[in-house]
């Protein structure tokens, strides 16, 4: 499958998360509620990073195999 690397890189950011973090911190919620929301977001981001790293490893393996040929 082909895809546009530049387009993906330009659109790949965590701006949405940044605004959400600010919104959570500005709300009149308890610190416990804020901590719960931020922890949930952190877990989501960690999950995304895990998937990214997994795919990078796959690509690196493929690249290394091609270099050995």
PDB file of N, CA and C in Angstrom:
ATOM      1  N   UNK A   1       0.842  -1.177   0.000  1.00  0.00           N
ATOM      2  CA  UNK A   1       0.000   0.000   0.000  1.00  0.00           C
ATOM      3  C   UNK A   1       0.888   1.242   0.000  1.00  0.00           C
ATOM      4  N   UNK A   2       0.567   2.195  -0.843  1.00  0.00           N
ATOM      5  CA  UNK A   2       1.320   3.432  -0.905  1.00  0.00           C
ATOM      6  C   UNK A   2       0.561   4.525  -0.161  1.00  0.00           C
ATOM      7  N   UNK A   3       1.307   5.395   0.470  1.00  0.00           N
ATOM      8  CA  UNK A   3       0.690   6.535   1.128  1.00  0.00           C
ATOM      9  C   UNK A   3       1.642   7.714   1.090  1.00  0.00           C
ATOM     10  N   UNK A   4       1.099   8.901   1.294  1.00  0.00           N
ATOM     11  CA  UNK A   4       1.879  10.124   1.214  1.00  0.00           C
ATOM     12  C   UNK A   4       2.506  10.430   2.566  1.00  0.00           C
ATOM     13  N   UNK A   5       3.813  10.192   2.674  1.00  0.00           N
ATOM     14  CA  UNK A   5       4.515  10.390   3.938  1.00  0.00           C
ATOM     15  C   UNK A   5       4.405  11.829   4.433  1.00  0.00           C
ATOM     16  N   UNK A   6       4.617  12.777   3.537  1.00  0.00           N
ATOM     17  CA  UNK A   6       4.586  14.190   3.928  1.00  0.00           C
ATOM     18  C   UNK A   6       3.226  14.576   4.500  1.00  0.00           C
ATOM     19  N   UNK A   7       2.179  14.113   3.840  1.00  0.00           N
ATOM     20  CA  UNK A   7       0.827  14.449   4.284  1.00  0.00           C
ATOM     21  C   UNK A   7       0.569  13.874   5.675  1.00  0.00           C
ATOM     22  N   UNK A   8       0.999  12.665   5.897  1.00  0.00           N
ATOM     23  CA  UNK A   8       0.807  12.022   7.198  1.00  0.00           C
ATOM     24  C   UNK A   8       1.604  12.761   8.276  1.00  0.00           C
ATOM     25  N   UNK A   9       2.856  13.080   7.982  1.00  0.00           N
ATOM     26  CA  UNK A   9       3.691  13.761   8.966  1.00  0.00           C
ATOM     27  C   UNK A   9       3.161  15.150   9.322  1.00  0.00           C
ATOM     28  N   UNK A  10       2.642  15.842   8.327  1.00  0.00           N
ATOM     29  CA  UNK A  10       2.089  17.173   8.590  1.00  0.00           C
ATOM     30  C   UNK A  10       0.836  17.084   9.447  1.00  0.00           C
ATOM     31  N   UNK A  11       0.050  16.029   9.254  1.00  0.00           N
ATOM     32  CA  UNK A  11      -1.191  15.882  10.012  1.00  0.00           C
ATOM     33  C   UNK A  11      -1.021  15.144  11.325  1.00  0.00           C
ATOM     34  N   UNK A  12       0.141  14.532  11.522  1.00  0.00           N
ATOM     35  CA  UNK A  12       0.370  13.735  12.720  1.00  0.00           C
ATOM     36  C   UNK A  12       0.929  14.607  13.834  1.00  0.00           C
ATOM     37  N   UNK A  13       0.066  15.012  14.699  1.00  0.00           N
ATOM     38  CA  UNK A  13       0.513  15.773  15.862  1.00  0.00           C
ATOM     39  C   UNK A  13      -0.446  15.526  17.010  1.00  0.00           C
ATOM     40  N   UNK A  14      -0.101  16.051  18.136  1.00  0.00           N
ATOM     41  CA  UNK A  14      -0.925  15.850  19.315  1.00  0.00           C
ATOM     42  C   UNK A  14      -1.586  17.148  19.753  1.00  0.00           C
ATOM     43  N   UNK A  15      -1.855  18.023  18.794  1.00  0.00           N
ATOM     44  CA  UNK A  15      -2.500  19.292  19.126  1.00  0.00           C
ATOM     45  C   UNK A  15      -3.838  19.074  19.815  1.00  0.00           C
ATOM     46  N   UNK A  16      -4.578  18.089  19.360  1.00  0.00           N
ATOM     47  CA  UNK A  16      -5.868  17.790  19.970  1.00  0.00           C
ATOM     48  C   UNK A  16      -5.683  17.461  21.438  1.00  0.00           C
ATOM     49  N   UNK A  17      -4.658  16.664  21.734  1.00  0.00           N
ATOM     50  CA  UNK A  17      -4.390  16.312  23.127  1.00  0.00           C
ATOM     51  C   UNK A  17      -4.038  17.547  23.928  1.00  0.00           C
ATOM     52  N   UNK A  18      -3.235  18.412  23.384  1.00  0.00           N
ATOM     53  CA  UNK A  18      -2.810  19.603  24.097  1.00  0.00           C
ATOM     54  C   UNK A  18      -4.013  20.440  24.518  1.00  0.00           C
ATOM     55  N   UNK A  19      -4.924  20.682  23.590  1.00  0.00           N
ATOM     56  CA  UNK A  19      -6.121  21.459  23.913  1.00  0.00           C
ATOM     57  C   UNK A  19      -6.959  20.749  24.954  1.00  0.00           C
ATOM     58  N   UNK A  20      -7.064  19.443  24.836  1.00  0.00           N
ATOM     59  CA  UNK A  20      -7.858  18.675  25.781  1.00  0.00           C
ATOM     60  C   UNK A  20      -7.266  18.755  27.176  1.00  0.00           C
ATOM     61  N   UNK A  21      -5.943  18.674  27.279  1.00  0.00           N
ATOM     62  CA  UNK A  21      -5.285  18.776  28.579  1.00  0.00           C
ATOM     63  C   UNK A  21      -5.602  20.130  29.210  1.00  0.00           C
ATOM     64  N   UNK A  22      -5.477  21.181  28.428  1.00  0.00           N
ATOM     65  CA  UNK A  22      -5.779  22.521  28.945  1.00  0.00           C
ATOM     66  C   UNK A  22      -7.231  22.614  29.396  1.00  0.00           C
ATOM     67  N   UNK A  23      -8.123  22.040  28.602  1.00  0.00           N
ATOM     68  CA  UNK A  23      -9.546  22.079  28.963  1.00  0.00           C
ATOM     69  C   UNK A  23      -9.806  21.321  30.260  1.00  0.00           C
ATOM     70  N   UNK A  24      -9.180  20.176  30.416  1.00  0.00           N
ATOM     71  CA  UNK A  24      -9.360  19.400  31.637  1.00  0.00           C
ATOM     72  C   UNK A  24      -8.876  20.200  32.851  1.00  0.00           C
ATOM     73  N   UNK A  25      -7.731  20.834  32.698  1.00  0.00           N
ATOM     74  CA  UNK A  25      -7.156  21.573  33.823  1.00  0.00           C
ATOM     75  C   UNK A  25      -7.964  22.819  34.173  1.00  0.00           C
ATOM     76  N   UNK A  26      -8.653  23.396  33.198  1.00  0.00           N
ATOM     77  CA  UNK A  26      -9.452  24.602  33.441  1.00  0.00           C
ATOM     78  C   UNK A  26     -10.807  24.283  34.068  1.00  0.00           C
ATOM     79  N   UNK A  27     -11.287  23.056  33.882  1.00  0.00           N
ATOM     80  CA  UNK A  27     -12.611  22.693  34.390  1.00  0.00           C
ATOM     81  C   UNK A  27     -12.628  22.727  35.907  1.00  0.00           C
ATOM     82  N   UNK A  28     -13.811  22.897  36.419  1.00  0.00           N
ATOM     83  CA  UNK A  28     -13.996  22.947  37.870  1.00  0.00           C
ATOM     84  C   UNK A  28     -14.264  21.537  38.408  1.00  0.00           C
ATOM     85  N   UNK A  29     -13.354  20.624  38.080  1.00  0.00           N
ATOM     86  CA  UNK A  29     -13.453  19.246  38.566  1.00  0.00           C
ATOM     87  C   UNK A  29     -12.502  19.063  39.733  1.00  0.00           C
ATOM     88  N   UNK A  30     -12.704  18.004  40.468  1.00  0.00           N
ATOM     89  CA  UNK A  30     -11.789  17.707  41.558  1.00  0.00           C
ATOM     90  C   UNK A  30     -10.445  17.273  40.977  1.00  0.00           C
ATOM     91  N   UNK A  31      -9.421  17.363  41.785  1.00  0.00           N
ATOM     92  CA  UNK A  31      -8.108  16.908  41.339  1.00  0.00           C
ATOM     93  C   UNK A  31      -8.138  15.421  41.008  1.00  0.00           C
ATOM     94  N   UNK A  32      -8.934  14.662  41.732  1.00  0.00           N
ATOM     95  CA  UNK A  32      -9.061  13.221  41.465  1.00  0.00           C
ATOM     96  C   UNK A  32      -9.645  12.980  40.072  1.00  0.00           C
ATOM     97  N   UNK A  33     -10.675  13.753  39.710  1.00  0.00           N
ATOM     98  CA  UNK A  33     -11.283  13.620  38.382  1.00  0.00           C
ATOM     99  C   UNK A  33     -10.304  14.032  37.288  1.00  0.00           C
ATOM    100  N   UNK A  34      -9.557  15.101  37.530  1.00  0.00           N
ATOM    101  CA  UNK A  34      -8.565  15.554  36.562  1.00  0.00           C
ATOM    102  C   UNK A  34      -7.487  14.495  36.377  1.00  0.00           C
ATOM    103  N   UNK A  35      -7.025  13.948  37.490  1.00  0.00           N
ATOM    104  CA  UNK A  35      -5.992  12.922  37.432  1.00  0.00           C
ATOM    105  C   UNK A  35      -6.487  11.695  36.678  1.00  0.00           C
ATOM    106  N   UNK A  36      -7.720  11.306  36.905  1.00  0.00           N
ATOM    107  CA  UNK A  36      -8.302  10.153  36.207  1.00  0.00           C
ATOM    108  C   UNK A  36      -8.362  10.413  34.697  1.00  0.00           C
ATOM    109  N   UNK A  37      -8.793  11.593  34.302  1.00  0.00           N
ATOM    110  CA  UNK A  37      -8.889  11.937  32.878  1.00  0.00           C
ATOM    111  C   UNK A  37      -7.511  11.975  32.240  1.00  0.00           C
ATOM    112  N   UNK A  38      -6.551  12.601  32.909  1.00  0.00           N
ATOM    113  CA  UNK A  38      -5.198  12.689  32.362  1.00  0.00           C
ATOM    114  C   UNK A  38      -4.540  11.317  32.275  1.00  0.00           C
ATOM    115  N   UNK A  39      -4.792  10.470  33.254  1.00  0.00           N
ATOM    116  CA  UNK A  39      -4.240   9.114  33.226  1.00  0.00           C
ATOM    117  C   UNK A  39      -4.816   8.331  32.055  1.00  0.00           C
ATOM    118  N   UNK A  40      -6.106   8.482  31.805  1.00  0.00           N
ATOM    119  CA  UNK A  40      -6.744   7.812  30.669  1.00  0.00           C
ATOM    120  C   UNK A  40      -6.113   8.285  29.359  1.00  0.00           C
ATOM    121  N   UNK A  41      -5.907   9.590  29.238  1.00  0.00           N
ATOM    122  CA  UNK A  41      -5.278  10.136  28.027  1.00  0.00           C
ATOM    123  C   UNK A  41      -3.855   9.614  27.880  1.00  0.00           C
ATOM    124  N   UNK A  42      -3.128   9.576  28.982  1.00  0.00           N
ATOM    125  CA  UNK A  42      -1.749   9.082  28.954  1.00  0.00           C
ATOM    126  C   UNK A  42      -1.709   7.634  28.487  1.00  0.00           C
ATOM    127  N   UNK A  43      -2.634   6.819  28.971  1.00  0.00           N
ATOM    128  CA  UNK A  43      -2.702   5.423  28.543  1.00  0.00           C
ATOM    129  C   UNK A  43      -2.987   5.310  27.057  1.00  0.00           C
ATOM    130  N   UNK A  44      -3.863   6.162  26.555  1.00  0.00           N
ATOM    131  CA  UNK A  44      -4.156   6.176  25.117  1.00  0.00           C
ATOM    132  C   UNK A  44      -2.913   6.516  24.308  1.00  0.00           C
ATOM    133  N   UNK A  45      -2.200   7.548  24.728  1.00  0.00           N
ATOM    134  CA  UNK A  45      -0.995   7.969  24.011  1.00  0.00           C
ATOM    135  C   UNK A  45       0.064   6.872  24.077  1.00  0.00           C
ATOM    136  N   UNK A  46       0.219   6.243  25.228  1.00  0.00           N
ATOM    137  CA  UNK A  46       1.178   5.144  25.352  1.00  0.00           C
ATOM    138  C   UNK A  46       0.810   3.993  24.417  1.00  0.00           C
ATOM    139  N   UNK A  47      -0.479   3.723  24.288  1.00  0.00           N
ATOM    140  CA  UNK A  47      -0.932   2.687  23.362  1.00  0.00           C
ATOM    141  C   UNK A  47      -0.592   3.034  21.918  1.00  0.00           C
ATOM    142  N   UNK A  48      -0.781   4.290  21.562  1.00  0.00           N
ATOM    143  CA  UNK A  48      -0.453   4.749  20.209  1.00  0.00           C
ATOM    144  C   UNK A  48       1.050   4.620  19.979  1.00  0.00           C
ATOM    145  N   UNK A  49       1.854   5.052  20.955  1.00  0.00           N
ATOM    146  CA  UNK A  49       3.313   4.959  20.818  1.00  0.00           C
ATOM    147  C   UNK A  49       3.764   3.508  20.712  1.00  0.00           C
ATOM    148  N   UNK A  50       3.125   2.607  21.448  1.00  0.00           N
ATOM    149  CA  UNK A  50       3.452   1.183  21.361  1.00  0.00           C
ATOM    150  C   UNK A  50       3.236   0.683  19.932  1.00  0.00           C
ATOM    151  N   UNK A  51       2.097   1.049  19.342  1.00  0.00           N
ATOM    152  CA  UNK A  51       1.790   0.626  17.977  1.00  0.00           C
ATOM    153  C   UNK A  51       2.794   1.209  16.982  1.00  0.00           C
ATOM    154  N   UNK A  52       3.151   2.474  17.174  1.00  0.00           N
ATOM    155  CA  UNK A  52       4.126   3.114  16.286  1.00  0.00           C
ATOM    156  C   UNK A  52       5.460   2.392  16.366  1.00  0.00           C
ATOM    157  N   UNK A  53       5.914   2.111  17.579  1.00  0.00           N
ATOM    158  CA  UNK A  53       7.208   1.437  17.752  1.00  0.00           C
ATOM    159  C   UNK A  53       7.180   0.030  17.154  1.00  0.00           C
ATOM    160  N   UNK A  54       6.061  -0.650  17.300  1.00  0.00           N
ATOM    161  CA  UNK A  54       5.914  -2.000  16.745  1.00  0.00           C
ATOM    162  C   UNK A  54       6.036  -1.971  15.229  1.00  0.00           C
ATOM    163  N   UNK A  55       5.379  -1.019  14.598  1.00  0.00           N
ATOM    164  CA  UNK A  55       5.426  -0.906  13.148  1.00  0.00           C
ATOM    165  C   UNK A  55       6.813  -0.490  12.674  1.00  0.00           C
ATOM    166  N   UNK A  56       7.465   0.381  13.443  1.00  0.00           N
ATOM    167  CA  UNK A  56       8.831   0.779  13.100  1.00  0.00           C
ATOM    168  C   UNK A  56       9.766  -0.422  13.118  1.00  0.00           C
ATOM    169  N   UNK A  57       9.600  -1.285  14.105  1.00  0.00           N
ATOM    170  CA  UNK A  57      10.438  -2.483  14.186  1.00  0.00           C
ATOM    171  C   UNK A  57      10.222  -3.380  12.974  1.00  0.00           C
ATOM    172  N   UNK A  58       8.967  -3.513  12.546  1.00  0.00           N
ATOM    173  CA  UNK A  58       8.674  -4.313  11.357  1.00  0.00           C
ATOM    174  C   UNK A  58       9.386  -3.743  10.139  1.00  0.00           C
ATOM    175  N   UNK A  59       9.300  -2.443   9.988  1.00  0.00           N
ATOM    176  CA  UNK A  59       9.936  -1.784   8.839  1.00  0.00           C
ATOM    177  C   UNK A  59      11.447  -1.946   8.906  1.00  0.00           C
ATOM    178  N   UNK A  60      12.012  -1.799  10.097  1.00  0.00           N
ATOM    179  CA  UNK A  60      13.455  -1.947  10.254  1.00  0.00           C
ATOM    180  C   UNK A  60      13.900  -3.367   9.919  1.00  0.00           C
ATOM    181  N   UNK A  61      13.118  -4.364  10.313  1.00  0.00           N
ATOM    182  CA  UNK A  61      13.448  -5.754   9.973  1.00  0.00           C
ATOM    183  C   UNK A  61      13.440  -5.955   8.468  1.00  0.00           C
ATOM    184  N   UNK A  62      12.406  -5.442   7.814  1.00  0.00           N
ATOM    185  CA  UNK A  62      12.297  -5.574   6.362  1.00  0.00           C
ATOM    186  C   UNK A  62      13.474  -4.875   5.683  1.00  0.00           C
ATOM    187  N   UNK A  63      13.796  -3.692   6.153  1.00  0.00           N
ATOM    188  CA  UNK A  63      14.907  -2.919   5.586  1.00  0.00           C
ATOM    189  C   UNK A  63      16.224  -3.673   5.770  1.00  0.00           C
ATOM    190  N   UNK A  64      16.441  -4.220   6.937  1.00  0.00           N
ATOM    191  CA  UNK A  64      17.676  -4.968   7.204  1.00  0.00           C
ATOM    192  C   UNK A  64      17.773  -6.234   6.342  1.00  0.00           C
ATOM    193  N   UNK A  65      16.636  -6.907   6.134  1.00  0.00           N
ATOM    194  CA  UNK A  65      16.634  -8.099   5.289  1.00  0.00           C
ATOM    195  C   UNK A  65      16.989  -7.751   3.850  1.00  0.00           C
ATOM    196  N   UNK A  66      16.463  -6.619   3.374  1.00  0.00           N
ATOM    197  CA  UNK A  66      16.748  -6.185   2.001  1.00  0.00           C
ATOM    198  C   UNK A  66      18.219  -5.813   1.847  1.00  0.00           C
ATOM    199  N   UNK A  67      18.810  -5.231   2.878  1.00  0.00           N
ATOM    200  CA  UNK A  67      20.218  -4.858   2.820  1.00  0.00           C
ATOM    201  C   UNK A  67      21.108  -6.100   2.769  1.00  0.00           C
ATOM    202  N   UNK A  68      20.673  -7.165   3.429  1.00  0.00           N
ATOM    203  CA  UNK A  68      21.468  -8.399   3.447  1.00  0.00           C
ATOM    204  C   UNK A  68      21.423  -9.140   2.124  1.00  0.00           C
ATOM    205  N   UNK A  69      20.406  -8.893   1.317  1.00  0.00           N
ATOM    206  CA  UNK A  69      20.272  -9.599   0.029  1.00  0.00           C
ATOM    207  C   UNK A  69      21.249  -9.158  -0.957  1.00  0.00           C
TER     208      UNK A  69
END
